[in-house]
Amino acid sequence: MIDVTDEDFTAEVIRSELPVLVEFTADWCPPCRQMGPVLRALATEEADRLKVVQLNVDHNPMTTNAYKVLSMPTFMVFRDGEPVRSMVGARPKRRLLEEIEDAL
């Protein structure tokens, strides 16, 4: 799993050839920390068809504001540079994968 910033968001997410699952996260957010192992497993298991990245909202306000992220964790799936799916809140890996399947 990759940490992205305001500076490299375009290169890592918008220009990615694979669909990208972005977790908008914060250090102070317990559900965000809970999602860490889930996202790492997803990144490994789905590496051939999905890129998984995290963006810390406290350190990257430009991207956070651009996508109007207000709650953590927020998950967005980007495909061909556009957000195609958005979800708020922690969830089990199976459910997360089911929810993003149509975007892949």
C-alpha atoms as a PDB file:
ATOM      1  CA  MET A   1       0.000   0.000   0.000  1.00  0.00           C
ATOM      2  CA  ILE A   2       1.326   3.428  -0.971  1.00  0.00           C
ATOM      3  CA  ASP A   3       1.006   6.740   0.886  1.00  0.00           C
ATOM      4  CA  VAL A   4       0.119   9.543  -1.528  1.00  0.00           C
ATOM      5  CA  THR A   5       0.240  13.317  -1.049  1.00  0.00           C
ATOM      6  CA  ASP A   6      -1.177  16.434  -2.670  1.00  0.00           C
ATOM      7  CA  GLU A   7       2.045  16.582  -4.695  1.00  0.00           C
ATOM      8  CA  ASP A   8       1.949  13.076  -6.181  1.00  0.00           C
ATOM      9  CA  PHE A   9      -1.818  12.388  -6.239  1.00  0.00           C
ATOM     10  CA  THR A  10      -2.083  13.086  -9.966  1.00  0.00           C
ATOM     11  CA  ALA A  11       0.832  10.805 -10.840  1.00  0.00           C
ATOM     12  CA  GLU A  12      -0.141   7.962  -8.492  1.00  0.00           C
ATOM     13  CA  VAL A  13      -3.943   8.050  -8.794  1.00  0.00           C
ATOM     14  CA  ILE A  14      -5.216  10.126 -11.719  1.00  0.00           C
ATOM     15  CA  ARG A  15      -2.673   8.769 -14.224  1.00  0.00           C
ATOM     16  CA  SER A  16      -2.684   5.183 -12.925  1.00  0.00           C
ATOM     17  CA  GLU A  17      -3.329   2.504 -15.530  1.00  0.00           C
ATOM     18  CA  LEU A  18      -5.047   0.359 -12.886  1.00  0.00           C
ATOM     19  CA  PRO A  19      -8.147   1.388 -10.953  1.00  0.00           C
ATOM     20  CA  VAL A  20      -7.099   2.936  -7.629  1.00  0.00           C
ATOM     21  CA  LEU A  21      -8.730   2.572  -4.230  1.00  0.00           C
ATOM     22  CA  VAL A  22      -7.898   5.668  -2.165  1.00  0.00           C
ATOM     23  CA  GLU A  23      -8.419   5.660   1.581  1.00  0.00           C
ATOM     24  CA  PHE A  24      -8.713   9.188   2.951  1.00  0.00           C
ATOM     25  CA  THR A  25      -7.401   8.655   6.466  1.00  0.00           C
ATOM     26  CA  ALA A  26      -6.150  10.409   9.602  1.00  0.00           C
ATOM     27  CA  ASP A  27      -3.802   9.385  12.421  1.00  0.00           C
ATOM     28  CA  TRP A  28      -6.440  10.222  15.040  1.00  0.00           C
ATOM     29  CA  CYS A  29      -9.133   8.023  13.426  1.00  0.00           C
ATOM     30  CA  PRO A  30      -9.587   4.590  15.114  1.00  0.00           C
ATOM     31  CA  PRO A  31     -11.684   3.108  12.247  1.00  0.00           C
ATOM     32  CA  CYS A  32      -8.934   4.199   9.837  1.00  0.00           C
ATOM     33  CA  ARG A  33      -6.316   2.303  11.844  1.00  0.00           C
ATOM     34  CA  GLN A  34      -8.674  -0.694  11.917  1.00  0.00           C
ATOM     35  CA  MET A  35      -8.729  -0.674   8.108  1.00  0.00           C
ATOM     36  CA  GLY A  36      -4.920  -0.854   7.795  1.00  0.00           C
ATOM     37  CA  PRO A  37      -4.620  -4.673   7.769  1.00  0.00           C
ATOM     38  CA  VAL A  38      -7.679  -4.992   5.517  1.00  0.00           C
ATOM     39  CA  LEU A  39      -6.224  -2.599   2.944  1.00  0.00           C
ATOM     40  CA  ARG A  40      -2.757  -4.169   3.072  1.00  0.00           C
ATOM     41  CA  ALA A  41      -4.312  -7.605   2.408  1.00  0.00           C
ATOM     42  CA  LEU A  42      -6.442  -6.202  -0.402  1.00  0.00           C
ATOM     43  CA  ALA A  43      -3.415  -4.487  -1.956  1.00  0.00           C
ATOM     44  CA  THR A  44      -1.525  -7.794  -1.985  1.00  0.00           C
ATOM     45  CA  GLU A  45      -4.384 -10.033  -3.119  1.00  0.00           C
ATOM     46  CA  GLU A  46      -5.671  -7.709  -5.866  1.00  0.00           C
ATOM     47  CA  ALA A  47      -2.342  -6.229  -7.018  1.00  0.00           C
ATOM     48  CA  ASP A  48      -2.893  -7.342 -10.613  1.00  0.00           C
ATOM     49  CA  ARG A  49      -6.138  -5.384 -10.982  1.00  0.00           C
ATOM     50  CA  LEU A  50      -6.216  -2.723  -8.246  1.00  0.00           C
ATOM     51  CA  LYS A  51      -3.823  -0.199  -6.741  1.00  0.00           C
ATOM     52  CA  VAL A  52      -4.472   0.686  -3.074  1.00  0.00           C
ATOM     53  CA  VAL A  53      -3.238   3.983  -1.616  1.00  0.00           C
ATOM     54  CA  GLN A  54      -3.748   6.103   1.502  1.00  0.00           C
ATOM     55  CA  LEU A  55      -3.932   9.872   1.749  1.00  0.00           C
ATOM     56  CA  ASN A  56      -3.604  11.558   5.150  1.00  0.00           C
ATOM     57  CA  VAL A  57      -6.259  14.284   5.215  1.00  0.00           C
ATOM     58  CA  ASP A  58      -4.452  16.365   7.841  1.00  0.00           C
ATOM     59  CA  HIS A  59      -1.278  16.606   5.752  1.00  0.00           C
ATOM     60  CA  ASN A  60      -2.943  16.905   2.334  1.00  0.00           C
ATOM     61  CA  PRO A  61      -5.759  19.461   2.482  1.00  0.00           C
ATOM     62  CA  MET A  62      -5.793  20.313  -1.243  1.00  0.00           C
ATOM     63  CA  THR A  63      -6.791  16.829  -2.392  1.00  0.00           C
ATOM     64  CA  THR A  64      -9.090  16.326   0.604  1.00  0.00           C
ATOM     65  CA  ASN A  65     -10.966  19.541  -0.195  1.00  0.00           C
ATOM     66  CA  ALA A  66     -11.000  18.906  -3.943  1.00  0.00           C
ATOM     67  CA  TYR A  67     -12.982  15.695  -3.398  1.00  0.00           C
ATOM     68  CA  LYS A  68     -15.092  17.145  -0.555  1.00  0.00           C
ATOM     69  CA  VAL A  69     -14.017  14.512   1.964  1.00  0.00           C
ATOM     70  CA  LEU A  70     -15.587  15.249   5.350  1.00  0.00           C
ATOM     71  CA  SER A  71     -15.600  11.889   7.174  1.00  0.00           C
ATOM     72  CA  MET A  72     -12.884   9.336   7.835  1.00  0.00           C
ATOM     73  CA  PRO A  73     -12.310   6.834   6.535  1.00  0.00           C
ATOM     74  CA  THR A  74     -13.634   7.710   3.103  1.00  0.00           C
ATOM     75  CA  PHE A  75     -12.842   5.321   0.271  1.00  0.00           C
ATOM     76  CA  MET A  76     -12.908   6.388  -3.359  1.00  0.00           C
ATOM     77  CA  VAL A  77     -12.275   4.266  -6.398  1.00  0.00           C
ATOM     78  CA  PHE A  78     -10.705   6.114  -9.325  1.00  0.00           C
ATOM     79  CA  ARG A  79     -10.775   4.654 -12.815  1.00  0.00           C
ATOM     80  CA  ASP A  80      -9.276   6.436 -15.811  1.00  0.00           C
ATOM     81  CA  GLY A  81      -8.606   9.471 -13.617  1.00  0.00           C
ATOM     82  CA  GLU A  82     -12.198   9.881 -12.421  1.00  0.00           C
ATOM     83  CA  PRO A  83     -13.822   8.953  -9.106  1.00  0.00           C
ATOM     84  CA  VAL A  84     -16.380   6.239  -9.875  1.00  0.00           C
ATOM     85  CA  ARG A  85     -17.312   5.018  -6.381  1.00  0.00           C
ATOM     86  CA  SER A  86     -17.289   6.542  -2.895  1.00  0.00           C
ATOM     87  CA  MET A  87     -17.939   4.922   0.485  1.00  0.00           C
ATOM     88  CA  VAL A  88     -17.659   6.175   4.065  1.00  0.00           C
ATOM     89  CA  GLY A  89     -16.796   4.078   7.105  1.00  0.00           C
ATOM     90  CA  ALA A  90     -14.843   0.973   8.034  1.00  0.00           C
ATOM     91  CA  ARG A  91     -16.007  -2.361   6.651  1.00  0.00           C
ATOM     92  CA  PRO A  92     -14.776  -5.962   6.381  1.00  0.00           C
ATOM     93  CA  LYS A  93     -12.551  -6.844   3.444  1.00  0.00           C
ATOM     94  CA  ARG A  94     -15.191  -9.068   1.795  1.00  0.00           C
ATOM     95  CA  ARG A  95     -17.778  -6.282   1.869  1.00  0.00           C
ATOM     96  CA  LEU A  96     -15.302  -3.667   0.634  1.00  0.00           C
ATOM     97  CA  LEU A  97     -14.342  -5.903  -2.272  1.00  0.00           C
ATOM     98  CA  GLU A  98     -18.009  -6.543  -3.122  1.00  0.00           C
ATOM     99  CA  GLU A  99     -18.720  -2.796  -3.108  1.00  0.00           C
ATOM    100  CA  ILE A 100     -15.842  -1.933  -5.442  1.00  0.00           C
ATOM    101  CA  GLU A 101     -16.115  -4.990  -7.738  1.00  0.00           C
ATOM    102  CA  ASP A 102     -18.211  -3.205 -10.372  1.00  0.00           C
ATOM    103  CA  ALA A 103     -15.634  -0.394 -10.543  1.00  0.00           C
ATOM    104  CA  LEU A 104     -12.856  -2.808 -11.368  1.00  0.00           C
END
